[in-house]
All heavy atoms as atom14 arrays in JSON, in Angstrom:
{
  "sequence": "AHAIDKTGYQNHYRGVFPIKVNQQCHVIEEIANFGEKYHHGLEAG",
  "atom14_mask": [
    [1, 1, 1, 1, 1, 0, 0, 0, 0, 0, 0, 0, 0, 0],
    [1, 1, 1, 1, 1, 1, 1, 1, 1, 1, 0, 0, 0, 0],
    [1, 1, 1, 1, 1, 0, 0, 0, 0, 0, 0, 0, 0, 0],
    [1, 1, 1, 1, 1, 1, 1, 1, 0, 0, 0, 0, 0, 0],
    [1, 1, 1, 1, 1, 1, 1, 1, 0, 0, 0, 0, 0, 0],
    [1, 1, 1, 1, 1, 1, 1, 1, 1, 0, 0, 0, 0, 0],
    [1, 1, 1, 1, 1, 1, 1, 0, 0, 0, 0, 0, 0, 0],
    [1, 1, 1, 1, 0, 0, 0, 0, 0, 0, 0, 0, 0, 0],
    [1, 1, 1, 1, 1, 1, 1, 1, 1, 1, 1, 1, 0, 0],
    [1, 1, 1, 1, 1, 1, 1, 1, 1, 0, 0, 0, 0, 0],
    [1, 1, 1, 1, 1, 1, 1, 1, 0, 0, 0, 0, 0, 0],
    [1, 1, 1, 1, 1, 1, 1, 1, 1, 1, 0, 0, 0, 0],
    [1, 1, 1, 1, 1, 1, 1, 1, 1, 1, 1, 1, 0, 0],
    [1, 1, 1, 1, 1, 1, 1, 1, 1, 1, 1, 0, 0, 0],
    [1, 1, 1, 1, 0, 0, 0, 0, 0, 0, 0, 0, 0, 0],
    [1, 1, 1, 1, 1, 1, 1, 0, 0, 0, 0, 0, 0, 0],
    [1, 1, 1, 1, 1, 1, 1, 1, 1, 1, 1, 0, 0, 0],
    [1, 1, 1, 1, 1, 1, 1, 0, 0, 0, 0, 0, 0, 0],
    [1, 1, 1, 1, 1, 1, 1, 1, 0, 0, 0, 0, 0, 0],
    [1, 1, 1, 1, 1, 1, 1, 1, 1, 0, 0, 0, 0, 0],
    [1, 1, 1, 1, 1, 1, 1, 0, 0, 0, 0, 0, 0, 0],
    [1, 1, 1, 1, 1, 1, 1, 1, 0, 0, 0, 0, 0, 0],
    [1, 1, 1, 1, 1, 1, 1, 1, 1, 0, 0, 0, 0, 0],
    [1, 1, 1, 1, 1, 1, 1, 1, 1, 0, 0, 0, 0, 0],
    [1, 1, 1, 1, 1, 1, 0, 0, 0, 0, 0, 0, 0, 0],
    [1, 1, 1, 1, 1, 1, 1, 1, 1, 1, 0, 0, 0, 0],
    [1, 1, 1, 1, 1, 1, 1, 0, 0, 0, 0, 0, 0, 0],
    [1, 1, 1, 1, 1, 1, 1, 1, 0, 0, 0, 0, 0, 0],
    [1, 1, 1, 1, 1, 1, 1, 1, 1, 0, 0, 0, 0, 0],
    [1, 1, 1, 1, 1, 1, 1, 1, 1, 0, 0, 0, 0, 0],
    [1, 1, 1, 1, 1, 1, 1, 1, 0, 0, 0, 0, 0, 0],
    [1, 1, 1, 1, 1, 0, 0, 0, 0, 0, 0, 0, 0, 0],
    [1, 1, 1, 1, 1, 1, 1, 1, 0, 0, 0, 0, 0, 0],
    [1, 1, 1, 1, 1, 1, 1, 1, 1, 1, 1, 0, 0, 0],
    [1, 1, 1, 1, 0, 0, 0, 0, 0, 0, 0, 0, 0, 0],
    [1, 1, 1, 1, 1, 1, 1, 1, 1, 0, 0, 0, 0, 0],
    [1, 1, 1, 1, 1, 1, 1, 1, 1, 0, 0, 0, 0, 0],
    [1, 1, 1, 1, 1, 1, 1, 1, 1, 1, 1, 1, 0, 0],
    [1, 1, 1, 1, 1, 1, 1, 1, 1, 1, 0, 0, 0, 0],
    [1, 1, 1, 1, 1, 1, 1, 1, 1, 1, 0, 0, 0, 0],
    [1, 1, 1, 1, 0, 0, 0, 0, 0, 0, 0, 0, 0, 0],
    [1, 1, 1, 1, 1, 1, 1, 1, 0, 0, 0, 0, 0, 0],
    [1, 1, 1, 1, 1, 1, 1, 1, 1, 0, 0, 0, 0, 0],
    [1, 1, 1, 1, 1, 0, 0, 0, 0, 0, 0, 0, 0, 0],
    [1, 1, 1, 1, 0, 0, 0, 0, 0, 0, 0, 0, 0, 0]
  ],
  "atom14_positions": [
    [[0.85, -1.23, 0.03], [0.0, -0.02, 0.0], [0.84, 1.25, -0.01], [0.52, 2.21, -0.67], [-0.91, 0.0, 1.21], [0.0, 0.0, 0.0], [0.0, 0.0, 0.0], [0.0, 0.0, 0.0], [0.0, 0.0, 0.0], [0.0, 0.0, 0.0], [0.0, 0.0, 0.0], [0.0, 0.0, 0.0], [0.0, 0.0, 0.0], [0.0, 0.0, 0.0]],
    [[1.93, 1.24, 0.74], [2.87, 2.42, 0.78], [3.49, 2.64, -0.58], [3.65, 3.71, -1.02], [3.94, 2.16, 1.85], [5.01, 3.2, 1.87], [4.8, 4.51, 2.31], [6.28, 3.14, 1.47], [5.91, 5.17, 2.21], [6.84, 4.36, 1.7], [0.0, 0.0, 0.0], [0.0, 0.0, 0.0], [0.0, 0.0, 0.0], [0.0, 0.0, 0.0]],
    [[3.98, 1.51, -1.15], [4.57, 1.62, -2.54], [3.68, 2.13, -3.56], [4.02, 2.93, -4.39], [5.2, 0.24, -2.9], [0.0, 0.0, 0.0], [0.0, 0.0, 0.0], [0.0, 0.0, 0.0], [0.0, 0.0, 0.0], [0.0, 0.0, 0.0], [0.0, 0.0, 0.0], [0.0, 0.0, 0.0], [0.0, 0.0, 0.0], [0.0, 0.0, 0.0]],
    [[2.39, 1.7, -3.46], [1.43, 2.07, -4.42], [1.09, 3.6, -4.23], [1.06, 4.36, -5.23], [0.13, 1.26, -4.23], [0.28, -0.13, -4.83], [-1.13, 1.95, -4.82], [-0.74, -1.13, -4.47], [0.0, 0.0, 0.0], [0.0, 0.0, 0.0], [0.0, 0.0, 0.0], [0.0, 0.0, 0.0], [0.0, 0.0, 0.0], [0.0, 0.0, 0.0]],
    [[0.99, 4.03, -3.0], [0.77, 5.49, -2.74], [2.0, 6.29, -3.14], [1.85, 7.35, -3.73], [0.49, 5.61, -1.27], [0.19, 7.09, -0.8], [-0.86, 7.63, -1.32], [1.0, 7.67, -0.08], [0.0, 0.0, 0.0], [0.0, 0.0, 0.0], [0.0, 0.0, 0.0], [0.0, 0.0, 0.0], [0.0, 0.0, 0.0], [0.0, 0.0, 0.0]],
    [[3.17, 5.87, -2.86], [4.3, 6.64, -3.14], [4.57, 6.81, -4.67], [5.03, 7.92, -5.12], [5.54, 5.99, -2.53], [6.82, 6.67, -2.69], [8.07, 5.95, -1.98], [9.32, 6.67, -2.15], [10.5, 6.07, -1.5], [0.0, 0.0, 0.0], [0.0, 0.0, 0.0], [0.0, 0.0, 0.0], [0.0, 0.0, 0.0], [0.0, 0.0, 0.0]],
    [[4.29, 5.82, -5.42], [4.55, 5.87, -6.89], [3.33, 6.38, -7.7], [3.51, 6.62, -8.87], [4.88, 4.5, -7.38], [3.76, 3.56, -7.12], [6.15, 3.97, -6.75], [0.0, 0.0, 0.0], [0.0, 0.0, 0.0], [0.0, 0.0, 0.0], [0.0, 0.0, 0.0], [0.0, 0.0, 0.0], [0.0, 0.0, 0.0], [0.0, 0.0, 0.0]],
    [[2.18, 6.58, -7.05], [1.03, 7.02, -7.73], [0.45, 5.84, -8.64], [-0.26, 6.16, -9.67], [0.0, 0.0, 0.0], [0.0, 0.0, 0.0], [0.0, 0.0, 0.0], [0.0, 0.0, 0.0], [0.0, 0.0, 0.0], [0.0, 0.0, 0.0], [0.0, 0.0, 0.0], [0.0, 0.0, 0.0], [0.0, 0.0, 0.0], [0.0, 0.0, 0.0]],
    [[0.65, 4.71, -8.28], [0.06, 3.47, -8.97], [-1.44, 3.54, -8.88], [-2.02, 3.8, -7.86], [0.62, 2.21, -8.29], [0.36, 0.96, -9.13], [1.2, 0.59, -10.19], [-0.65, 0.14, -8.85], [1.01, -0.56, -10.88], [-0.87, -1.02, -9.58], [0.0, -1.39, -10.58], [-0.25, -2.54, -11.36], [0.0, 0.0, 0.0], [0.0, 0.0, 0.0]],
    [[-2.09, 3.24, -9.99], [-3.52, 3.38, -10.11], [-4.29, 2.11, -9.97], [-5.23, 1.72, -10.73], [-3.9, 4.05, -11.48], [-3.32, 5.42, -11.58], [-3.82, 6.42, -10.51], [-4.98, 6.56, -10.31], [-2.83, 6.98, -9.79], [0.0, 0.0, 0.0], [0.0, 0.0, 0.0], [0.0, 0.0, 0.0], [0.0, 0.0, 0.0], [0.0, 0.0, 0.0]],
    [[-3.95, 1.3, -8.93], [-4.74, 0.13, -8.64], [-4.34, -0.31, -7.29], [-3.51, 0.37, -6.57], [-4.58, -0.94, -9.69], [-5.9, -1.73, -9.96], [-6.56, -2.08, -8.94], [-6.24, -1.96, -11.21], [0.0, 0.0, 0.0], [0.0, 0.0, 0.0], [0.0, 0.0, 0.0], [0.0, 0.0, 0.0], [0.0, 0.0, 0.0], [0.0, 0.0, 0.0]],
    [[-4.61, -1.53, -6.8], [-4.4, -1.98, -5.44], [-3.67, -3.31, -5.51], [-3.44, -3.93, -6.56], [-5.67, -2.04, -4.7], [-6.77, -2.88, -5.29], [-7.78, -2.3, -6.12], [-7.03, -4.21, -5.32], [-8.61, -3.26, -6.53], [-8.13, -4.37, -6.1], [0.0, 0.0, 0.0], [0.0, 0.0, 0.0], [0.0, 0.0, 0.0], [0.0, 0.0, 0.0]],
    [[-3.45, -3.75, -4.25], [-2.71, -5.04, -4.08], [-3.7, -6.07, -3.4], [-4.52, -5.75, -2.57], [-1.55, -4.84, -3.14], [-0.9, -6.14, -2.66], [-0.05, -6.97, -3.51], [-1.06, -6.57, -1.3], [0.51, -8.16, -3.08], [-0.42, -7.76, -0.88], [0.29, -8.51, -1.72], [0.82, -9.65, -1.3], [0.0, 0.0, 0.0], [0.0, 0.0, 0.0]],
    [[-3.56, -7.39, -3.89], [-4.22, -8.46, -3.26], [-3.26, -9.53, -2.96], [-2.72, -10.15, -3.95], [-5.34, -8.94, -4.15], [-6.56, -7.98, -4.26], [-7.35, -7.98, -3.02], [-8.55, -7.11, -3.14], [-8.53, -5.82, -2.65], [-7.53, -5.31, -2.15], [-9.65, -5.14, -2.86], [0.0, 0.0, 0.0], [0.0, 0.0, 0.0], [0.0, 0.0, 0.0]],
    [[-3.0, -9.89, -1.75], [-2.14, -10.98, -1.38], [-2.94, -12.29, -1.34], [-4.1, -12.31, -1.0], [0.0, 0.0, 0.0], [0.0, 0.0, 0.0], [0.0, 0.0, 0.0], [0.0, 0.0, 0.0], [0.0, 0.0, 0.0], [0.0, 0.0, 0.0], [0.0, 0.0, 0.0], [0.0, 0.0, 0.0], [0.0, 0.0, 0.0], [0.0, 0.0, 0.0]],
    [[-2.19, -13.38, -1.59], [-2.85, -14.69, -1.43], [-1.74, -15.57, -0.73], [-0.55, -15.46, -1.07], [-3.31, -15.42, -2.72], [-4.41, -14.59, -3.41], [-2.14, -15.63, -3.75], [0.0, 0.0, 0.0], [0.0, 0.0, 0.0], [0.0, 0.0, 0.0], [0.0, 0.0, 0.0], [0.0, 0.0, 0.0], [0.0, 0.0, 0.0], [0.0, 0.0, 0.0]],
    [[-2.19, -16.41, 0.19], [-1.31, -17.33, 0.81], [-1.35, -18.74, 0.2], [-2.48, -19.27, 0.16], [-1.59, -17.41, 2.33], [-0.71, -18.41, 3.07], [0.61, -18.21, 3.36], [-1.27, -19.7, 3.37], [1.4, -19.09, 3.99], [-0.43, -20.64, 4.07], [0.87, -20.37, 4.35], [0.0, 0.0, 0.0], [0.0, 0.0, 0.0], [0.0, 0.0, 0.0]],
    [[-0.22, -19.28, -0.24], [-0.18, -20.6, -0.82], [-0.42, -21.65, 0.19], [0.42, -21.85, 1.08], [1.17, -20.83, -1.5], [1.76, -19.41, -1.49], [1.17, -18.66, -0.35], [0.0, 0.0, 0.0], [0.0, 0.0, 0.0], [0.0, 0.0, 0.0], [0.0, 0.0, 0.0], [0.0, 0.0, 0.0], [0.0, 0.0, 0.0], [0.0, 0.0, 0.0]],
    [[-1.52, -22.4, 0.2], [-1.79, -23.29, 1.26], [-0.79, -24.29, 1.43], [-0.53, -24.85, 2.53], [-3.16, -23.95, 1.01], [-4.36, -22.85, 1.07], [-3.52, -25.09, 1.99], [-5.63, -23.35, 0.69], [0.0, 0.0, 0.0], [0.0, 0.0, 0.0], [0.0, 0.0, 0.0], [0.0, 0.0, 0.0], [0.0, 0.0, 0.0], [0.0, 0.0, 0.0]],
    [[-0.12, -24.76, 0.37], [0.93, -25.83, 0.49], [2.04, -25.51, 1.33], [2.73, -26.37, 1.85], [1.49, -26.04, -0.95], [2.33, -24.96, -1.55], [2.87, -25.37, -2.93], [3.59, -24.18, -3.54], [2.61, -23.21, -4.06], [0.0, 0.0, 0.0], [0.0, 0.0, 0.0], [0.0, 0.0, 0.0], [0.0, 0.0, 0.0], [0.0, 0.0, 0.0]],
    [[2.29, -24.23, 1.62], [3.39, -23.82, 2.43], [3.25, -24.17, 3.88], [4.13, -24.55, 4.6], [3.69, -22.28, 2.28], [4.78, -21.79, 3.28], [4.02, -21.85, 0.88], [0.0, 0.0, 0.0], [0.0, 0.0, 0.0], [0.0, 0.0, 0.0], [0.0, 0.0, 0.0], [0.0, 0.0, 0.0], [0.0, 0.0, 0.0], [0.0, 0.0, 0.0]],
    [[1.95, -24.09, 4.38], [1.6, -24.61, 5.7], [0.15, -24.91, 5.71], [-0.71, -23.98, 5.73], [1.95, -23.66, 6.78], [1.85, -24.28, 8.15], [0.97, -24.95, 8.46], [2.89, -23.95, 9.09], [0.0, 0.0, 0.0], [0.0, 0.0, 0.0], [0.0, 0.0, 0.0], [0.0, 0.0, 0.0], [0.0, 0.0, 0.0], [0.0, 0.0, 0.0]],
    [[-0.24, -26.16, 5.59], [-1.65, -26.52, 5.4], [-2.43, -26.67, 6.7], [-3.62, -27.03, 6.65], [-1.73, -27.85, 4.59], [-1.08, -27.72, 3.24], [-0.52, -29.03, 2.73], [-0.15, -29.92, 3.52], [-0.32, -29.16, 1.41], [0.0, 0.0, 0.0], [0.0, 0.0, 0.0], [0.0, 0.0, 0.0], [0.0, 0.0, 0.0], [0.0, 0.0, 0.0]],
    [[-1.75, -26.53, 7.85], [-2.37, -26.75, 9.11], [-3.6, -25.88, 9.33], [-3.57, -24.63, 9.05], [-1.39, -26.53, 10.23], [-0.14, -27.39, 10.18], [-0.5, -28.85, 10.17], [-1.28, -29.3, 10.93], [0.18, -29.61, 9.29], [0.0, 0.0, 0.0], [0.0, 0.0, 0.0], [0.0, 0.0, 0.0], [0.0, 0.0, 0.0], [0.0, 0.0, 0.0]],
    [[-4.65, -26.39, 9.81], [-5.98, -25.77, 9.91], [-5.9, -24.47, 10.66], [-6.42, -23.45, 10.34], [-6.97, -26.71, 10.48], [-8.63, -26.01, 10.78], [0.0, 0.0, 0.0], [0.0, 0.0, 0.0], [0.0, 0.0, 0.0], [0.0, 0.0, 0.0], [0.0, 0.0, 0.0], [0.0, 0.0, 0.0], [0.0, 0.0, 0.0], [0.0, 0.0, 0.0]],
    [[-5.24, -24.55, 11.84], [-5.1, -23.36, 12.73], [-4.37, -22.18, 11.98], [-4.85, -21.02, 12.15], [-4.38, -23.71, 14.03], [-4.34, -22.58, 14.94], [-5.34, -22.22, 15.83], [-3.32, -21.69, 15.35], [-4.97, -21.15, 16.55], [-3.73, -20.88, 16.26], [0.0, 0.0, 0.0], [0.0, 0.0, 0.0], [0.0, 0.0, 0.0], [0.0, 0.0, 0.0]],
    [[-3.36, -22.51, 11.16], [-2.66, -21.53, 10.48], [-3.53, -20.84, 9.38], [-3.63, -19.65, 9.24], [-1.38, -22.05, 9.86], [-0.66, -21.06, 8.94], [-0.41, -22.58, 10.92], [0.0, 0.0, 0.0], [0.0, 0.0, 0.0], [0.0, 0.0, 0.0], [0.0, 0.0, 0.0], [0.0, 0.0, 0.0], [0.0, 0.0, 0.0], [0.0, 0.0, 0.0]],
    [[-4.2, -21.74, 8.6], [-5.02, -21.17, 7.45], [-6.17, -20.39, 8.08], [-6.56, -19.3, 7.48], [-5.5, -22.33, 6.63], [-4.38, -23.14, 5.97], [-6.45, -21.81, 5.56], [-3.41, -22.31, 5.15], [0.0, 0.0, 0.0], [0.0, 0.0, 0.0], [0.0, 0.0, 0.0], [0.0, 0.0, 0.0], [0.0, 0.0, 0.0], [0.0, 0.0, 0.0]],
    [[-6.81, -20.81, 9.06], [-7.94, -20.08, 9.72], [-7.45, -18.72, 10.18], [-8.18, -17.71, 10.01], [-8.51, -20.88, 10.82], [-9.38, -22.09, 10.35], [-9.98, -22.83, 11.43], [-9.69, -22.62, 12.62], [-10.9, -23.71, 11.22], [0.0, 0.0, 0.0], [0.0, 0.0, 0.0], [0.0, 0.0, 0.0], [0.0, 0.0, 0.0], [0.0, 0.0, 0.0]],
    [[-6.33, -18.65, 10.82], [-5.84, -17.35, 11.35], [-5.53, -16.37, 10.15], [-5.86, -15.21, 10.26], [-4.52, -17.57, 12.21], [-3.97, -16.25, 12.79], [-4.94, -15.61, 13.77], [-5.83, -16.24, 14.3], [-4.77, -14.43, 13.97], [0.0, 0.0, 0.0], [0.0, 0.0, 0.0], [0.0, 0.0, 0.0], [0.0, 0.0, 0.0], [0.0, 0.0, 0.0]],
    [[-4.88, -16.94, 9.08], [-4.62, -16.1, 7.96], [-5.93, -15.57, 7.31], [-5.99, -14.41, 7.01], [-3.85, -16.91, 6.86], [-2.38, -17.1, 7.4], [-3.77, -16.1, 5.54], [-1.6, -18.06, 6.58], [0.0, 0.0, 0.0], [0.0, 0.0, 0.0], [0.0, 0.0, 0.0], [0.0, 0.0, 0.0], [0.0, 0.0, 0.0], [0.0, 0.0, 0.0]],
    [[-6.89, -16.42, 7.18], [-8.19, -16.03, 6.59], [-8.86, -14.98, 7.5], [-9.41, -13.98, 6.98], [-9.13, -17.24, 6.44], [0.0, 0.0, 0.0], [0.0, 0.0, 0.0], [0.0, 0.0, 0.0], [0.0, 0.0, 0.0], [0.0, 0.0, 0.0], [0.0, 0.0, 0.0], [0.0, 0.0, 0.0], [0.0, 0.0, 0.0], [0.0, 0.0, 0.0]],
    [[-8.91, -15.21, 8.81], [-9.53, -14.27, 9.71], [-8.84, -12.91, 9.86], [-9.57, -11.88, 9.6], [-9.69, -14.91, 11.08], [-10.57, -16.09, 11.14], [-11.49, -16.35, 10.26], [-10.42, -17.03, 12.12], [0.0, 0.0, 0.0], [0.0, 0.0, 0.0], [0.0, 0.0, 0.0], [0.0, 0.0, 0.0], [0.0, 0.0, 0.0], [0.0, 0.0, 0.0]],
    [[-7.56, -12.97, 10.09], [-6.85, -11.68, 10.19], [-6.77, -10.96, 8.83], [-6.85, -9.72, 8.74], [-5.47, -11.83, 10.79], [-4.76, -10.55, 11.02], [-5.01, -9.73, 12.13], [-3.84, -10.1, 10.01], [-4.37, -8.57, 12.29], [-3.26, -8.85, 10.27], [-3.47, -8.07, 11.38], [0.0, 0.0, 0.0], [0.0, 0.0, 0.0], [0.0, 0.0, 0.0]],
    [[-6.58, -11.7, 7.82], [-6.36, -11.22, 6.43], [-7.59, -10.57, 5.79], [-7.48, -9.85, 4.8], [0.0, 0.0, 0.0], [0.0, 0.0, 0.0], [0.0, 0.0, 0.0], [0.0, 0.0, 0.0], [0.0, 0.0, 0.0], [0.0, 0.0, 0.0], [0.0, 0.0, 0.0], [0.0, 0.0, 0.0], [0.0, 0.0, 0.0], [0.0, 0.0, 0.0]],
    [[-8.78, -10.79, 6.45], [-9.99, -10.32, 5.83], [-9.96, -8.79, 5.69], [-10.48, -8.21, 4.62], [-11.19, -10.66, 6.66], [-12.54, -10.45, 5.96], [-13.72, -11.06, 6.65], [-13.47, -11.96, 7.54], [-14.84, -10.79, 6.29], [0.0, 0.0, 0.0], [0.0, 0.0, 0.0], [0.0, 0.0, 0.0], [0.0, 0.0, 0.0], [0.0, 0.0, 0.0]],
    [[-9.32, -8.09, 6.61], [-9.3, -6.58, 6.5], [-8.52, -6.12, 5.36], [-8.72, -5.02, 4.85], [-8.75, -6.03, 7.77], [-7.28, -6.27, 8.01], [-6.69, -5.57, 9.3], [-7.15, -6.21, 10.51], [-6.53, -5.65, 11.71], [0.0, 0.0, 0.0], [0.0, 0.0, 0.0], [0.0, 0.0, 0.0], [0.0, 0.0, 0.0], [0.0, 0.0, 0.0]],
    [[-7.62, -6.92, 4.82], [-6.84, -6.61, 3.68], [-7.33, -7.35, 2.33], [-6.66, -7.26, 1.34], [-5.41, -7.01, 3.9], [-4.71, -6.31, 5.09], [-4.43, -6.97, 6.24], [-4.41, -4.9, 5.01], [-3.81, -6.32, 7.35], [-3.8, -4.29, 6.05], [-3.56, -5.05, 7.32], [-2.96, -4.39, 8.3], [0.0, 0.0, 0.0], [0.0, 0.0, 0.0]],
    [[-8.42, -8.14, 2.52], [-8.83, -8.98, 1.45], [-7.8, -9.97, 0.98], [-7.57, -10.16, -0.23], [-9.33, -8.16, 0.25], [-10.46, -7.14, 0.62], [-11.59, -7.43, 1.2], [-10.4, -5.72, 0.5], [-12.26, -6.31, 1.42], [-11.54, -5.32, 1.04], [0.0, 0.0, 0.0], [0.0, 0.0, 0.0], [0.0, 0.0, 0.0], [0.0, 0.0, 0.0]],
    [[-7.1, -10.53, 1.96], [-5.97, -11.49, 1.67], [-6.57, -12.83, 1.39], [-7.33, -13.38, 2.25], [-5.09, -11.5, 2.88], [-3.66, -11.87, 2.62], [-2.76, -11.01, 2.27], [-3.06, -13.12, 2.55], [-1.49, -11.64, 2.03], [-1.73, -12.92, 2.2], [0.0, 0.0, 0.0], [0.0, 0.0, 0.0], [0.0, 0.0, 0.0], [0.0, 0.0, 0.0]],
    [[-6.21, -13.44, 0.26], [-6.89, -14.63, -0.14], [-5.93, -15.87, 0.0], [-4.96, -15.83, 0.78], [0.0, 0.0, 0.0], [0.0, 0.0, 0.0], [0.0, 0.0, 0.0], [0.0, 0.0, 0.0], [0.0, 0.0, 0.0], [0.0, 0.0, 0.0], [0.0, 0.0, 0.0], [0.0, 0.0, 0.0], [0.0, 0.0, 0.0], [0.0, 0.0, 0.0]],
    [[-6.25, -16.97, -0.73], [-5.5, -18.19, -0.65], [-5.17, -18.77, -2.06], [-5.94, -18.48, -3.01], [-6.35, -19.21, 0.15], [-6.66, -18.95, 1.57], [-7.69, -19.85, 2.18], [-5.36, -18.99, 2.47], [0.0, 0.0, 0.0], [0.0, 0.0, 0.0], [0.0, 0.0, 0.0], [0.0, 0.0, 0.0], [0.0, 0.0, 0.0], [0.0, 0.0, 0.0]],
    [[-4.16, -19.52, -2.12], [-3.74, -20.12, -3.43], [-3.84, -21.65, -3.19], [-3.41, -22.12, -2.12], [-2.27, -19.79, -3.82], [-1.85, -20.42, -5.08], [-1.15, -21.73, -4.89], [-0.69, -22.08, -3.69], [-1.0, -22.52, -5.85], [0.0, 0.0, 0.0], [0.0, 0.0, 0.0], [0.0, 0.0, 0.0], [0.0, 0.0, 0.0], [0.0, 0.0, 0.0]],
    [[-4.54, -22.34, -4.15], [-4.74, -23.75, -4.06], [-4.1, -24.46, -5.18], [-4.29, -24.09, -6.38], [-6.26, -24.05, -3.97], [0.0, 0.0, 0.0], [0.0, 0.0, 0.0], [0.0, 0.0, 0.0], [0.0, 0.0, 0.0], [0.0, 0.0, 0.0], [0.0, 0.0, 0.0], [0.0, 0.0, 0.0], [0.0, 0.0, 0.0], [0.0, 0.0, 0.0]],
    [[-3.38, -25.55, -4.89], [-2.69, -26.3, -5.97], [-3.25, -27.61, -6.13], [-2.64, -28.43, -6.91], [0.0, 0.0, 0.0], [0.0, 0.0, 0.0], [0.0, 0.0, 0.0], [0.0, 0.0, 0.0], [0.0, 0.0, 0.0], [0.0, 0.0, 0.0], [0.0, 0.0, 0.0], [0.0, 0.0, 0.0], [0.0, 0.0, 0.0], [0.0, 0.0, 0.0]]
  ]
}
């Protein structure tokens, strides 16, 4: 967000977490819950 604001970029960022990196339920649930404020998503392989 800081880089986008600093450069005048005309769109936004959306992060996704690759589930394969750590598939444990507690980890994925925490990422989904806390990440909601940033619209942070998930990658599925």
